[in-house]
Amino acid sequence: MDGIWIVTTVVLAFGITSASGLWLLPILRKLKFGQTILEIGPKWHKNKQGTPTMGGVMFIFGIVIAVVAGYMILKFNSSLGARPDSELIKARLLYGLMLALAYGLIGFVDDYLKIVRKQNEGLTPRQKLLLQVVFGISYLALLYISGDRSTTLLIPFGGSLDIGVLYYPFALLAMLALANAVNFTDGLDGLLSSVTFVVGIAYMVITSLLGMWEMGIMASAMAGGCLGFLIWNFYPAKVFMGDTGSLFLGGLVIALCFGTGMPLLILLIGVIYVVEMASVVIQMTYFKITHGKRIFKMSPIHHHFELSGYTEVQIVVMFSIVTFVGAAAAVLAVVLI
C-alpha cells in the first residue's frame, strides 16, 4: 500500500519514544542526571531544579529505528518505480542521519559534563563550535562526493540564484546558525518538541509534493519522535531533552533543509528558530553598544514573553501557531515552483 512506510515510521517513532520514558526516567533519576538551572533565569524555573535531563536519548532511539524500518519498507515497495535522483536522495538521508547523530553526540558530552560538574557549563562554546564545524564540513563533503553539487539557491516566491563556490561557506554558516537556533528554542517545557513537531509535518508535506520519499521518512520520524516526547516533556515536564536532544533535532532539521535542496525554506518553516536566534544576537549587540541596556527583558525571546506574564503553555501554543503559519507559506512556495 502506498504510503505505508510513512505511517509505519510515524507510529514506530512515536511508540518507541513514548514507551522508552517508562524505563529511561527511573534510570536518569537513579543516576541523579538532573538539570541545573541558571541563576540568571526566571526565578520560578528554580522549581525545575533536578528534573531529569538527557531525555533526548528517548527520541534518538525512536527516530533512528523508525527511519531504518521506514526505509526498508520503502526499498521493497515496487509501486513507485525507478527515479533518477533516488540514489542521491538516499545519500542525503544516510548522511543527514549521521550528521544528526554526530550533533547529538556533542550534546551528550556537553550534558554529561554538566551533570558530573554539577553546574550549567559543559563543553566551552569554542569546543562545541569547533566540533559542529568539523561535522558540518564532513557532511557537505560527503554530499559533494555523492554528486550533490548544485550551488543554486531556490528563493521562496522569488525564483533562484546560483551563487557558485560561495554556496559552501554559506551552507556551513547556515548549518551552524540553524543548529544553535534550534538549541536556543529549547527553553520552556514542550516548546522545542512542539515547534519541531510542526516543522516535521511541514517537511512531510513538502517531501511528498517533491516525490522525495526517503527524506519524507526522516521528516515523519522526527514528527513522530517529537510527539512521543511531548507526552513526557509537555508542561509540567517530567524530563528535559538536554543538548543531547536539541542538537540532534538541529541536525535533523539541517538534513531536511539541505536534503530537500531548498535550505532557504527554513526561513519560513523554522521562523521561530530564526526569531529565537535573532533575539539573542540583537540583545547581545544592543547590550554591548549601549553598555548594559537591553531591548528584551531576557533572551531568547520566549523568556521575554514569560517575564511579560505569559504562561509556558500559552507561549508554546503561540509559537506553534506561528510555526504552522510559516510552514503553510513554505508549502505554498513549493506548490508554486
C-alpha atoms as a PDB file:
ATOM      1  CA  MET A   1       0.000   0.000   0.000  1.00  0.00           C
ATOM      2  CA  ASP A   2       1.399   3.409  -0.996  1.00  0.00           C
ATOM      3  CA  GLY A   3       2.444   5.486   1.967  1.00  0.00           C
ATOM      4  CA  ILE A   4       2.638   2.606   4.428  1.00  0.00           C
ATOM      5  CA  TRP A   5       6.286   3.456   5.114  1.00  0.00           C
ATOM      6  CA  ILE A   6       5.207   6.898   6.284  1.00  0.00           C
ATOM      7  CA  VAL A   7       2.572   5.519   8.649  1.00  0.00           C
ATOM      8  CA  THR A   8       4.999   2.897   9.957  1.00  0.00           C
ATOM      9  CA  THR A   9       7.704   5.500  10.521  1.00  0.00           C
ATOM     10  CA  VAL A  10       5.426   7.865  12.459  1.00  0.00           C
ATOM     11  CA  VAL A  11       3.922   5.090  14.596  1.00  0.00           C
ATOM     12  CA  LEU A  12       7.290   3.499  15.390  1.00  0.00           C
ATOM     13  CA  ALA A  13       8.979   6.790  16.273  1.00  0.00           C
ATOM     14  CA  PHE A  14       6.036   7.815  18.463  1.00  0.00           C
ATOM     15  CA  GLY A  15       5.657   4.408  20.107  1.00  0.00           C
ATOM     16  CA  ILE A  16       9.325   3.790  20.883  1.00  0.00           C
ATOM     17  CA  THR A  17       9.906   7.330  22.140  1.00  0.00           C
ATOM     18  CA  SER A  18       6.839   7.489  24.374  1.00  0.00           C
ATOM     19  CA  ALA A  19       7.332   3.954  25.750  1.00  0.00           C
ATOM     20  CA  SER A  20      11.041   4.460  26.454  1.00  0.00           C
ATOM     21  CA  GLY A  21      10.186   7.027  29.101  1.00  0.00           C
ATOM     22  CA  LEU A  22       8.851   4.215  31.278  1.00  0.00           C
ATOM     23  CA  TRP A  23      12.333   2.730  31.728  1.00  0.00           C
ATOM     24  CA  LEU A  24      14.643   5.680  30.991  1.00  0.00           C
ATOM     25  CA  LEU A  25      13.237   8.167  33.518  1.00  0.00           C
ATOM     26  CA  PRO A  26      13.786   5.851  36.535  1.00  0.00           C
ATOM     27  CA  ILE A  27      17.362   5.288  35.339  1.00  0.00           C
ATOM     28  CA  LEU A  28      18.028   9.035  34.968  1.00  0.00           C
ATOM     29  CA  ARG A  29      16.603   9.659  38.437  1.00  0.00           C
ATOM     30  CA  LYS A  30      18.687   6.857  39.937  1.00  0.00           C
ATOM     31  CA  LEU A  31      21.844   8.240  38.331  1.00  0.00           C
ATOM     32  CA  LYS A  32      20.800  11.738  39.514  1.00  0.00           C
ATOM     33  CA  PHE A  33      21.095  13.096  35.978  1.00  0.00           C
ATOM     34  CA  GLY A  34      19.148  16.230  36.881  1.00  0.00           C
ATOM     35  CA  GLN A  35      19.044  19.657  35.222  1.00  0.00           C
ATOM     36  CA  THR A  36      20.971  22.535  36.785  1.00  0.00           C
ATOM     37  CA  ILE A  37      19.009  25.783  36.470  1.00  0.00           C
ATOM     38  CA  LEU A  38      20.833  29.037  35.750  1.00  0.00           C
ATOM     39  CA  GLU A  39      20.642  31.759  38.426  1.00  0.00           C
ATOM     40  CA  ILE A  40      20.009  34.381  35.714  1.00  0.00           C
ATOM     41  CA  GLY A  41      16.832  32.687  34.507  1.00  0.00           C
ATOM     42  CA  PRO A  42      13.263  33.341  35.667  1.00  0.00           C
ATOM     43  CA  LYS A  43      13.081  32.676  39.413  1.00  0.00           C
ATOM     44  CA  TRP A  44      10.206  30.216  39.118  1.00  0.00           C
ATOM     45  CA  HIS A  45      12.375  27.954  36.947  1.00  0.00           C
ATOM     46  CA  LYS A  46      14.198  27.011  40.141  1.00  0.00           C
ATOM     47  CA  ASN A  47      11.308  24.622  40.780  1.00  0.00           C
ATOM     48  CA  LYS A  48      12.622  22.601  37.826  1.00  0.00           C
ATOM     49  CA  GLN A  49      15.979  22.019  39.507  1.00  0.00           C
ATOM     50  CA  GLY A  50      16.831  18.316  39.405  1.00  0.00           C
ATOM     51  CA  THR A  51      14.334  17.380  36.675  1.00  0.00           C
ATOM     52  CA  PRO A  52      15.931  14.511  34.700  1.00  0.00           C
ATOM     53  CA  THR A  53      17.764  15.674  31.584  1.00  0.00           C
ATOM     54  CA  MET A  54      19.365  13.948  28.569  1.00  0.00           C
ATOM     55  CA  GLY A  55      15.867  12.701  27.713  1.00  0.00           C
ATOM     56  CA  GLY A  56      16.670  13.322  24.051  1.00  0.00           C
ATOM     57  CA  VAL A  57      18.038   9.780  24.083  1.00  0.00           C
ATOM     58  CA  MET A  58      14.388   8.678  24.047  1.00  0.00           C
ATOM     59  CA  PHE A  59      13.571  10.095  20.644  1.00  0.00           C
ATOM     60  CA  ILE A  60      17.042   9.492  19.208  1.00  0.00           C
ATOM     61  CA  PHE A  61      16.472   5.751  19.551  1.00  0.00           C
ATOM     62  CA  GLY A  62      12.896   6.053  18.349  1.00  0.00           C
ATOM     63  CA  ILE A  63      13.747   8.161  15.308  1.00  0.00           C
ATOM     64  CA  VAL A  64      16.745   6.107  14.185  1.00  0.00           C
ATOM     65  CA  ILE A  65      14.857   2.808  14.436  1.00  0.00           C
ATOM     66  CA  ALA A  66      11.828   4.307  12.676  1.00  0.00           C
ATOM     67  CA  VAL A  67      13.948   5.692   9.818  1.00  0.00           C
ATOM     68  CA  VAL A  68      15.596   2.313   9.243  1.00  0.00           C
ATOM     69  CA  ALA A  69      12.269   0.478   9.334  1.00  0.00           C
ATOM     70  CA  GLY A  70      10.537   3.006   7.091  1.00  0.00           C
ATOM     71  CA  TYR A  71      13.369   2.913   4.580  1.00  0.00           C
ATOM     72  CA  MET A  72      13.353  -0.901   4.427  1.00  0.00           C
ATOM     73  CA  ILE A  73       9.619  -0.894   3.690  1.00  0.00           C
ATOM     74  CA  LEU A  74      10.130   1.779   1.028  1.00  0.00           C
ATOM     75  CA  LYS A  75      13.025  -0.136  -0.510  1.00  0.00           C
ATOM     76  CA  PHE A  76      10.861  -3.167  -1.156  1.00  0.00           C
ATOM     77  CA  ASN A  77       7.909  -1.154  -2.458  1.00  0.00           C
ATOM     78  CA  SER A  78       7.729  -1.627  -6.224  1.00  0.00           C
ATOM     79  CA  SER A  79       4.831   0.721  -6.958  1.00  0.00           C
ATOM     80  CA  LEU A  80       6.954   3.859  -7.166  1.00  0.00           C
ATOM     81  CA  GLY A  81       9.212   2.688  -9.958  1.00  0.00           C
ATOM     82  CA  ALA A  82      12.759   3.877 -10.589  1.00  0.00           C
ATOM     83  CA  ARG A  83      13.637   7.539 -10.098  1.00  0.00           C
ATOM     84  CA  PRO A  84      16.865   9.084 -11.424  1.00  0.00           C
ATOM     85  CA  ASP A  85      17.564  11.010  -8.214  1.00  0.00           C
ATOM     86  CA  SER A  86      16.841   8.143  -5.855  1.00  0.00           C
ATOM     87  CA  GLU A  87      20.489   7.258  -5.145  1.00  0.00           C
ATOM     88  CA  LEU A  88      21.350  10.864  -4.336  1.00  0.00           C
ATOM     89  CA  ILE A  89      18.389  11.283  -2.031  1.00  0.00           C
ATOM     90  CA  LYS A  90      19.290   8.049  -0.232  1.00  0.00           C
ATOM     91  CA  ALA A  91      22.748   9.527   0.347  1.00  0.00           C
ATOM     92  CA  ARG A  92      21.118  12.672   1.731  1.00  0.00           C
ATOM     93  CA  LEU A  93      19.083  10.509   4.106  1.00  0.00           C
ATOM     94  CA  LEU A  94      22.084   8.492   5.332  1.00  0.00           C
ATOM     95  CA  TYR A  95      24.477  11.398   5.764  1.00  0.00           C
ATOM     96  CA  GLY A  96      21.748  13.556   7.252  1.00  0.00           C
ATOM     97  CA  LEU A  97      21.067  10.940   9.906  1.00  0.00           C
ATOM     98  CA  MET A  98      24.799  10.657  10.564  1.00  0.00           C
ATOM     99  CA  LEU A  99      25.030  14.432  10.989  1.00  0.00           C
ATOM    100  CA  ALA A 100      22.148  14.442  13.476  1.00  0.00           C
ATOM    101  CA  LEU A 101      23.782  11.647  15.492  1.00  0.00           C
ATOM    102  CA  ALA A 102      27.119  13.484  15.445  1.00  0.00           C
ATOM    103  CA  TYR A 103      25.484  16.679  16.701  1.00  0.00           C
ATOM    104  CA  GLY A 104      23.580  14.646  19.278  1.00  0.00           C
ATOM    105  CA  LEU A 105      26.915  13.233  20.464  1.00  0.00           C
ATOM    106  CA  ILE A 106      28.222  16.773  21.007  1.00  0.00           C
ATOM    107  CA  GLY A 107      25.145  17.476  23.100  1.00  0.00           C
ATOM    108  CA  PHE A 108      25.539  14.212  25.027  1.00  0.00           C
ATOM    109  CA  VAL A 109      29.108  15.054  26.016  1.00  0.00           C
ATOM    110  CA  ASP A 110      28.038  18.576  26.967  1.00  0.00           C
ATOM    111  CA  ASP A 111      25.146  17.311  29.112  1.00  0.00           C
ATOM    112  CA  TYR A 112      27.306  14.666  30.777  1.00  0.00           C
ATOM    113  CA  LEU A 113      29.980  17.170  31.739  1.00  0.00           C
ATOM    114  CA  LYS A 114      27.326  19.489  33.200  1.00  0.00           C
ATOM    115  CA  ILE A 115      25.977  16.666  35.330  1.00  0.00           C
ATOM    116  CA  VAL A 116      29.397  15.478  36.510  1.00  0.00           C
ATOM    117  CA  ARG A 117      30.489  19.032  37.365  1.00  0.00           C
ATOM    118  CA  LYS A 118      27.058  19.828  38.857  1.00  0.00           C
ATOM    119  CA  GLN A 119      26.918  23.168  37.034  1.00  0.00           C
ATOM    120  CA  ASN A 120      25.376  24.530  33.856  1.00  0.00           C
ATOM    121  CA  GLU A 121      28.649  24.542  31.918  1.00  0.00           C
ATOM    122  CA  GLY A 122      29.875  21.554  29.941  1.00  0.00           C
ATOM    123  CA  LEU A 123      31.863  21.964  26.762  1.00  0.00           C
ATOM    124  CA  THR A 124      33.046  25.512  26.123  1.00  0.00           C
ATOM    125  CA  PRO A 125      31.286  27.444  23.322  1.00  0.00           C
ATOM    126  CA  ARG A 126      34.504  27.258  21.295  1.00  0.00           C
ATOM    127  CA  GLN A 127      34.721  23.479  21.688  1.00  0.00           C
ATOM    128  CA  LYS A 128      31.100  22.991  20.644  1.00  0.00           C
ATOM    129  CA  LEU A 129      31.510  25.315  17.667  1.00  0.00           C
ATOM    130  CA  LEU A 130      34.678  23.564  16.513  1.00  0.00           C
ATOM    131  CA  LEU A 131      33.023  20.147  16.646  1.00  0.00           C
ATOM    132  CA  GLN A 132      29.988  21.473  14.777  1.00  0.00           C
ATOM    133  CA  VAL A 133      32.265  22.913  12.093  1.00  0.00           C
ATOM    134  CA  VAL A 134      34.137  19.608  11.687  1.00  0.00           C
ATOM    135  CA  PHE A 135      30.950  17.575  11.405  1.00  0.00           C
ATOM    136  CA  GLY A 136      29.341  20.197   9.163  1.00  0.00           C
ATOM    137  CA  ILE A 137      32.237  20.201   6.709  1.00  0.00           C
ATOM    138  CA  SER A 138      32.251  16.398   6.700  1.00  0.00           C
ATOM    139  CA  TYR A 139      28.531  16.344   5.881  1.00  0.00           C
ATOM    140  CA  LEU A 140      28.904  18.796   2.987  1.00  0.00           C
ATOM    141  CA  ALA A 141      31.946  16.911   1.674  1.00  0.00           C
ATOM    142  CA  LEU A 142      30.083  13.593   1.702  1.00  0.00           C
ATOM    143  CA  LEU A 143      27.150  15.132  -0.178  1.00  0.00           C
ATOM    144  CA  TYR A 144      29.562  16.595  -2.745  1.00  0.00           C
ATOM    145  CA  ILE A 145      31.276  13.231  -3.256  1.00  0.00           C
ATOM    146  CA  SER A 146      27.839  11.639  -3.694  1.00  0.00           C
ATOM    147  CA  GLY A 147      27.057  14.008  -6.563  1.00  0.00           C
ATOM    148  CA  ASP A 148      25.140  16.751  -4.755  1.00  0.00           C
ATOM    149  CA  ARG A 149      26.949  19.667  -6.413  1.00  0.00           C
ATOM    150  CA  SER A 150      24.234  22.192  -7.119  1.00  0.00           C
ATOM    151  CA  THR A 151      25.132  25.711  -5.982  1.00  0.00           C
ATOM    152  CA  THR A 152      21.744  27.207  -6.784  1.00  0.00           C
ATOM    153  CA  LEU A 153      19.529  28.567  -4.025  1.00  0.00           C
ATOM    154  CA  LEU A 154      15.790  28.413  -4.553  1.00  0.00           C
ATOM    155  CA  ILE A 155      14.297  31.578  -3.100  1.00  0.00           C
ATOM    156  CA  PRO A 156      10.723  31.148  -1.777  1.00  0.00           C
ATOM    157  CA  PHE A 157       8.368  33.125  -4.048  1.00  0.00           C
ATOM    158  CA  GLY A 158      11.436  34.652  -5.727  1.00  0.00           C
ATOM    159  CA  GLY A 159      12.953  32.284  -8.281  1.00  0.00           C
ATOM    160  CA  SER A 160      16.517  31.029  -7.887  1.00  0.00           C
ATOM    161  CA  LEU A 161      20.083  32.299  -7.598  1.00  0.00           C
ATOM    162  CA  ASP A 162      23.312  30.477  -8.431  1.00  0.00           C
ATOM    163  CA  ILE A 163      25.997  31.683  -6.015  1.00  0.00           C
ATOM    164  CA  GLY A 164      28.725  29.375  -7.265  1.00  0.00           C
ATOM    165  CA  VAL A 165      31.547  28.469  -4.897  1.00  0.00           C
ATOM    166  CA  LEU A 166      30.117  30.814  -2.259  1.00  0.00           C
ATOM    167  CA  TYR A 167      27.432  28.186  -1.701  1.00  0.00           C
ATOM    168  CA  TYR A 168      29.699  26.105   0.534  1.00  0.00           C
ATOM    169  CA  PRO A 169      30.702  28.758   3.099  1.00  0.00           C
ATOM    170  CA  PHE A 170      27.069  29.908   3.042  1.00  0.00           C
ATOM    171  CA  ALA A 171      25.892  26.346   3.701  1.00  0.00           C
ATOM    172  CA  LEU A 172      28.309  25.859   6.597  1.00  0.00           C
ATOM    173  CA  LEU A 173      27.361  29.151   8.239  1.00  0.00           C
ATOM    174  CA  ALA A 174      23.673  28.363   7.765  1.00  0.00           C
ATOM    175  CA  MET A 175      24.154  24.951   9.378  1.00  0.00           C
ATOM    176  CA  LEU A 176      25.924  26.416  12.404  1.00  0.00           C
ATOM    177  CA  ALA A 177      23.310  29.134  12.815  1.00  0.00           C
ATOM    178  CA  LEU A 178      20.414  26.704  12.491  1.00  0.00           C
ATOM    179  CA  ALA A 179      21.828  24.110  14.894  1.00  0.00           C
ATOM    180  CA  ASN A 180      22.272  26.759  17.576  1.00  0.00           C
ATOM    181  CA  ALA A 181      18.934  28.428  16.792  1.00  0.00           C
ATOM    182  CA  VAL A 182      17.174  25.113  17.405  1.00  0.00           C
ATOM    183  CA  ASN A 183      19.171  24.742  20.621  1.00  0.00           C
ATOM    184  CA  PHE A 184      18.108  28.235  21.792  1.00  0.00           C
ATOM    185  CA  THR A 185      14.457  27.265  21.278  1.00  0.00           C
ATOM    186  CA  ASP A 186      14.745  24.581  23.954  1.00  0.00           C
ATOM    187  CA  GLY A 187      13.975  26.723  26.986  1.00  0.00           C
ATOM    188  CA  LEU A 188      10.401  26.005  28.081  1.00  0.00           C
ATOM    189  CA  ASP A 189       8.515  22.792  28.768  1.00  0.00           C
ATOM    190  CA  GLY A 190       7.408  21.329  25.439  1.00  0.00           C
ATOM    191  CA  LEU A 191       8.493  24.326  23.345  1.00  0.00           C
ATOM    192  CA  LEU A 192      11.127  22.786  21.065  1.00  0.00           C
ATOM    193  CA  SER A 193       9.222  19.490  20.854  1.00  0.00           C
ATOM    194  CA  SER A 194       6.025  21.257  19.762  1.00  0.00           C
ATOM    195  CA  VAL A 195       7.650  23.614  17.260  1.00  0.00           C
ATOM    196  CA  THR A 196       9.750  20.834  15.718  1.00  0.00           C
ATOM    197  CA  PHE A 197       6.711  18.555  15.501  1.00  0.00           C
ATOM    198  CA  VAL A 198       5.056  21.168  13.269  1.00  0.00           C
ATOM    199  CA  VAL A 199       8.300  21.523  11.282  1.00  0.00           C
ATOM    200  CA  GLY A 200       8.312  17.753  10.767  1.00  0.00           C
ATOM    201  CA  ILE A 201       4.727  17.773   9.497  1.00  0.00           C
ATOM    202  CA  ALA A 202       5.602  20.572   7.072  1.00  0.00           C
ATOM    203  CA  TYR A 203       8.504  18.607   5.654  1.00  0.00           C
ATOM    204  CA  MET A 204       6.297  15.517   5.357  1.00  0.00           C
ATOM    205  CA  VAL A 205       4.016  17.512   3.056  1.00  0.00           C
ATOM    206  CA  ILE A 206       6.873  19.133   1.123  1.00  0.00           C
ATOM    207  CA  THR A 207       8.777  15.900   0.527  1.00  0.00           C
ATOM    208  CA  SER A 208       5.537  14.306  -0.670  1.00  0.00           C
ATOM    209  CA  LEU A 209       4.989  17.151  -3.135  1.00  0.00           C
ATOM    210  CA  LEU A 210       8.569  16.771  -4.381  1.00  0.00           C
ATOM    211  CA  GLY A 211       8.434  12.970  -4.516  1.00  0.00           C
ATOM    212  CA  MET A 212      11.385  12.716  -2.123  1.00  0.00           C
ATOM    213  CA  TRP A 213      10.118   9.700  -0.231  1.00  0.00           C
ATOM    214  CA  GLU A 214      13.398   8.963   1.546  1.00  0.00           C
ATOM    215  CA  MET A 215      13.561  12.431   3.068  1.00  0.00           C
ATOM    216  CA  GLY A 216       9.872  12.081   3.884  1.00  0.00           C
ATOM    217  CA  ILE A 217      10.801   9.144   6.107  1.00  0.00           C
ATOM    218  CA  MET A 218      13.158  11.368   8.091  1.00  0.00           C
ATOM    219  CA  ALA A 219      10.507  14.078   8.423  1.00  0.00           C
ATOM    220  CA  SER A 220       7.918  11.529   9.558  1.00  0.00           C
ATOM    221  CA  ALA A 221      10.259  10.034  12.141  1.00  0.00           C
ATOM    222  CA  MET A 222      11.089  13.485  13.502  1.00  0.00           C
ATOM    223  CA  ALA A 223       7.412  14.392  13.823  1.00  0.00           C
ATOM    224  CA  GLY A 224       6.555  11.085  15.494  1.00  0.00           C
ATOM    225  CA  GLY A 225       9.514  11.275  17.864  1.00  0.00           C
ATOM    226  CA  CYS A 226       8.706  14.822  18.952  1.00  0.00           C
ATOM    227  CA  LEU A 227       5.063  13.899  19.558  1.00  0.00           C
ATOM    228  CA  GLY A 228       6.099  10.886  21.628  1.00  0.00           C
ATOM    229  CA  PHE A 229       8.493  13.004  23.666  1.00  0.00           C
ATOM    230  CA  LEU A 230       5.788  15.591  24.348  1.00  0.00           C
ATOM    231  CA  ILE A 231       3.991  13.024  26.489  1.00  0.00           C
ATOM    232  CA  TRP A 232       6.846  13.390  28.973  1.00  0.00           C
ATOM    233  CA  ASN A 233       8.045  16.910  28.147  1.00  0.00           C
ATOM    234  CA  PHE A 234       4.833  18.967  27.995  1.00  0.00           C
ATOM    235  CA  TYR A 235       4.217  21.269  30.969  1.00  0.00           C
ATOM    236  CA  PRO A 236       4.944  20.361  33.692  1.00  0.00           C
ATOM    237  CA  ALA A 237       7.864  18.473  32.157  1.00  0.00           C
ATOM    238  CA  LYS A 238       8.895  15.169  33.702  1.00  0.00           C
ATOM    239  CA  VAL A 239      12.088  15.160  31.639  1.00  0.00           C
ATOM    240  CA  PHE A 240      14.156  17.586  29.578  1.00  0.00           C
ATOM    241  CA  MET A 241      15.776  16.659  26.267  1.00  0.00           C
ATOM    242  CA  GLY A 242      19.031  18.446  27.111  1.00  0.00           C
ATOM    243  CA  ASP A 243      21.580  19.431  24.489  1.00  0.00           C
ATOM    244  CA  THR A 244      21.644  15.733  23.583  1.00  0.00           C
ATOM    245  CA  GLY A 245      18.173  16.104  22.119  1.00  0.00           C
ATOM    246  CA  SER A 246      18.194  19.712  20.942  1.00  0.00           C
ATOM    247  CA  LEU A 247      21.421  19.376  18.930  1.00  0.00           C
ATOM    248  CA  PHE A 248      20.207  16.070  17.470  1.00  0.00           C
ATOM    249  CA  LEU A 249      16.992  17.768  16.346  1.00  0.00           C
ATOM    250  CA  GLY A 250      19.084  20.630  14.978  1.00  0.00           C
ATOM    251  CA  GLY A 251      21.000  18.122  12.894  1.00  0.00           C
ATOM    252  CA  LEU A 252      17.772  16.590  11.587  1.00  0.00           C
ATOM    253  CA  VAL A 253      16.371  19.986  10.611  1.00  0.00           C
ATOM    254  CA  ILE A 254      19.628  20.775   8.779  1.00  0.00           C
ATOM    255  CA  ALA A 255      19.446  17.427   6.995  1.00  0.00           C
ATOM    256  CA  LEU A 256      15.897  18.169   5.841  1.00  0.00           C
ATOM    257  CA  CYS A 257      16.855  21.688   4.711  1.00  0.00           C
ATOM    258  CA  PHE A 258      19.692  20.515   2.515  1.00  0.00           C
ATOM    259  CA  GLY A 259      18.222  17.092   1.763  1.00  0.00           C
ATOM    260  CA  THR A 260      15.273  18.685   0.002  1.00  0.00           C
ATOM    261  CA  GLY A 261      17.605  21.033  -1.888  1.00  0.00           C
ATOM    262  CA  MET A 262      15.769  24.094  -0.548  1.00  0.00           C
ATOM    263  CA  PRO A 263      17.645  25.361   2.520  1.00  0.00           C
ATOM    264  CA  LEU A 264      16.089  28.841   2.377  1.00  0.00           C
ATOM    265  CA  LEU A 265      12.644  27.369   3.057  1.00  0.00           C
ATOM    266  CA  ILE A 266      13.681  27.115   6.695  1.00  0.00           C
ATOM    267  CA  LEU A 267      13.245  30.895   6.940  1.00  0.00           C
ATOM    268  CA  LEU A 268       9.510  30.183   6.660  1.00  0.00           C
ATOM    269  CA  ILE A 269       9.174  26.720   8.193  1.00  0.00           C
ATOM    270  CA  GLY A 270      11.562  27.492  11.039  1.00  0.00           C
ATOM    271  CA  VAL A 271      10.506  31.087  11.593  1.00  0.00           C
ATOM    272  CA  ILE A 272      10.547  30.527  15.364  1.00  0.00           C
ATOM    273  CA  TYR A 273      14.119  29.222  15.219  1.00  0.00           C
ATOM    274  CA  VAL A 274      15.078  32.346  13.279  1.00  0.00           C
ATOM    275  CA  VAL A 275      13.326  34.676  15.737  1.00  0.00           C
ATOM    276  CA  GLU A 276      14.883  32.942  18.744  1.00  0.00           C
ATOM    277  CA  MET A 277      18.390  33.264  17.286  1.00  0.00           C
ATOM    278  CA  ALA A 278      17.796  36.853  16.162  1.00  0.00           C
ATOM    279  CA  SER A 279      16.599  37.845  19.633  1.00  0.00           C
ATOM    280  CA  VAL A 280      19.844  36.604  21.172  1.00  0.00           C
ATOM    281  CA  VAL A 281      22.021  38.377  18.585  1.00  0.00           C
ATOM    282  CA  ILE A 282      20.039  41.632  18.890  1.00  0.00           C
ATOM    283  CA  GLN A 283      20.119  41.541  22.686  1.00  0.00           C
ATOM    284  CA  MET A 284      23.873  40.917  22.858  1.00  0.00           C
ATOM    285  CA  THR A 285      24.668  43.554  20.231  1.00  0.00           C
ATOM    286  CA  TYR A 286      22.461  46.211  21.827  1.00  0.00           C
ATOM    287  CA  PHE A 287      23.847  45.375  25.280  1.00  0.00           C
ATOM    288  CA  LYS A 288      27.420  45.984  24.089  1.00  0.00           C
ATOM    289  CA  ILE A 289      26.617  49.126  22.090  1.00  0.00           C
ATOM    290  CA  THR A 290      24.654  50.761  24.913  1.00  0.00           C
ATOM    291  CA  HIS A 291      26.927  49.493  27.708  1.00  0.00           C
ATOM    292  CA  GLY A 292      24.358  47.477  29.583  1.00  0.00           C
ATOM    293  CA  LYS A 293      20.926  48.357  28.240  1.00  0.00           C
ATOM    294  CA  ARG A 294      18.529  45.689  26.954  1.00  0.00           C
ATOM    295  CA  ILE A 295      15.781  45.549  24.322  1.00  0.00           C
ATOM    296  CA  PHE A 296      14.175  42.380  25.677  1.00  0.00           C
ATOM    297  CA  LYS A 297      13.588  41.560  29.325  1.00  0.00           C
ATOM    298  CA  MET A 298      15.572  38.398  28.648  1.00  0.00           C
ATOM    299  CA  SER A 299      16.677  36.432  25.614  1.00  0.00           C
ATOM    300  CA  PRO A 300      15.978  34.104  23.875  1.00  0.00           C
ATOM    301  CA  ILE A 301      12.660  35.783  23.247  1.00  0.00           C
ATOM    302  CA  HIS A 302      10.497  33.059  24.813  1.00  0.00           C
ATOM    303  CA  HIS A 303      11.862  34.225  28.198  1.00  0.00           C
ATOM    304  CA  HIS A 304      10.868  37.812  27.341  1.00  0.00           C
ATOM    305  CA  PHE A 305       7.264  36.668  26.889  1.00  0.00           C
ATOM    306  CA  GLU A 306       7.493  34.604  30.057  1.00  0.00           C
ATOM    307  CA  LEU A 307       8.689  37.611  32.079  1.00  0.00           C
ATOM    308  CA  SER A 308       5.898  39.646  30.464  1.00  0.00           C
ATOM    309  CA  GLY A 309       3.298  37.447  32.149  1.00  0.00           C
ATOM    310  CA  TYR A 310       2.567  34.710  29.613  1.00  0.00           C
ATOM    311  CA  THR A 311       2.474  31.127  30.887  1.00  0.00           C
ATOM    312  CA  GLU A 312       4.687  28.433  29.396  1.00  0.00           C
ATOM    313  CA  VAL A 313       1.678  26.730  27.826  1.00  0.00           C
ATOM    314  CA  GLN A 314       0.495  29.991  26.238  1.00  0.00           C
ATOM    315  CA  ILE A 315       3.929  30.613  24.748  1.00  0.00           C
ATOM    316  CA  VAL A 316       4.201  27.069  23.407  1.00  0.00           C
ATOM    317  CA  VAL A 317       0.775  27.319  21.754  1.00  0.00           C
ATOM    318  CA  MET A 318       1.537  30.772  20.322  1.00  0.00           C
ATOM    319  CA  PHE A 319       4.921  29.736  18.922  1.00  0.00           C
ATOM    320  CA  SER A 320       3.442  26.537  17.461  1.00  0.00           C
ATOM    321  CA  ILE A 321       0.728  28.543  15.675  1.00  0.00           C
ATOM    322  CA  VAL A 322       3.336  30.914  14.250  1.00  0.00           C
ATOM    323  CA  THR A 323       5.329  27.889  13.062  1.00  0.00           C
ATOM    324  CA  PHE A 324       2.210  26.458  11.421  1.00  0.00           C
ATOM    325  CA  VAL A 325       1.604  29.721   9.538  1.00  0.00           C
ATOM    326  CA  GLY A 326       5.218  29.820   8.357  1.00  0.00           C
ATOM    327  CA  ALA A 327       5.041  26.170   7.352  1.00  0.00           C
ATOM    328  CA  ALA A 328       1.866  26.767   5.358  1.00  0.00           C
ATOM    329  CA  ALA A 329       3.625  29.595   3.491  1.00  0.00           C
ATOM    330  CA  ALA A 330       6.544  27.277   2.736  1.00  0.00           C
ATOM    331  CA  VAL A 331       4.229  24.599   1.353  1.00  0.00           C
ATOM    332  CA  LEU A 332       2.575  27.207  -0.863  1.00  0.00           C
ATOM    333  CA  ALA A 333       6.008  28.297  -2.103  1.00  0.00           C
ATOM    334  CA  VAL A 334       6.791  24.704  -3.105  1.00  0.00           C
ATOM    335  CA  VAL A 335       3.435  24.306  -4.854  1.00  0.00           C
ATOM    336  CA  LEU A 336       4.135  27.438  -6.912  1.00  0.00           C
ATOM    337  CA  ILE A 337       7.559  26.277  -8.095  1.00  0.00           C
END
